[in-house]
Amino acid sequence: MFDSLDEQIRMDDRRIPAKERMMRWAIVGIAALVVCAAVIIGVHFMS
């Protein structure tokens, strides 16, 4: 069961263009930075 799931995930990854994949990771990275900055600013204002 899990071997076929792993193969399906690999096949799905190949269908996504590299540019779109990089754009997704860039959005995830920017979102992570925004969340971290919000936490830092929130802690700073609380003190």
Protein backbone atom coordinates (compact mmCIF):
# COMPACT_ATOMS: atom_id res chain seq x y z
CA MET A 1 0.00 0.00 0.00
CA PHE A 2 2.66 2.52 1.00
CA ASP A 3 4.91 1.64 -1.96
CA SER A 4 2.16 2.56 -4.38
CA LEU A 5 1.45 5.75 -2.42
CA ASP A 6 5.12 6.70 -2.60
CA GLU A 7 5.14 6.08 -6.34
CA GLN A 8 2.00 8.16 -6.77
CA ILE A 9 3.55 11.08 -4.87
CA ARG A 10 6.67 10.91 -7.08
CA MET A 11 4.53 10.87 -10.23
CA ASP A 12 2.53 13.86 -9.00
CA ASP A 13 5.74 15.78 -8.26
CA ARG A 14 6.95 15.23 -11.81
CA ARG A 15 3.76 16.75 -13.24
CA ILE A 16 4.29 20.04 -11.39
CA PRO A 17 6.57 22.41 -13.34
CA ALA A 18 9.82 23.37 -11.61
CA LYS A 19 8.89 27.07 -11.72
CA GLU A 20 5.61 26.43 -9.90
CA ARG A 21 7.37 24.25 -7.32
CA MET A 22 9.93 27.00 -6.65
CA MET A 23 7.13 29.57 -6.37
CA ARG A 24 5.37 27.43 -3.76
CA TRP A 25 8.55 27.13 -1.68
CA ALA A 26 9.14 30.88 -1.97
CA ILE A 27 5.62 31.58 -0.69
CA VAL A 28 6.09 29.13 2.18
CA GLY A 29 9.40 30.79 3.08
CA ILE A 30 7.91 34.28 3.01
CA ALA A 31 4.95 33.15 5.11
CA ALA A 32 7.33 31.59 7.66
CA LEU A 33 9.30 34.84 7.88
CA VAL A 34 6.13 36.86 8.39
CA VAL A 35 4.95 34.56 11.17
CA CYS A 36 8.34 34.65 12.91
CA ALA A 37 8.47 38.44 12.64
CA ALA A 38 4.95 38.73 14.06
CA VAL A 39 5.89 36.54 17.03
CA ILE A 40 9.06 38.54 17.70
CA ILE A 41 7.21 41.87 17.47
CA GLY A 42 4.42 40.54 19.68
CA VAL A 43 6.86 39.41 22.36
CA HIS A 44 8.68 42.75 22.13
CA PHE A 45 5.46 44.68 22.69
CA MET A 46 4.49 42.50 25.64
CA SER A 47 7.69 43.29 27.53
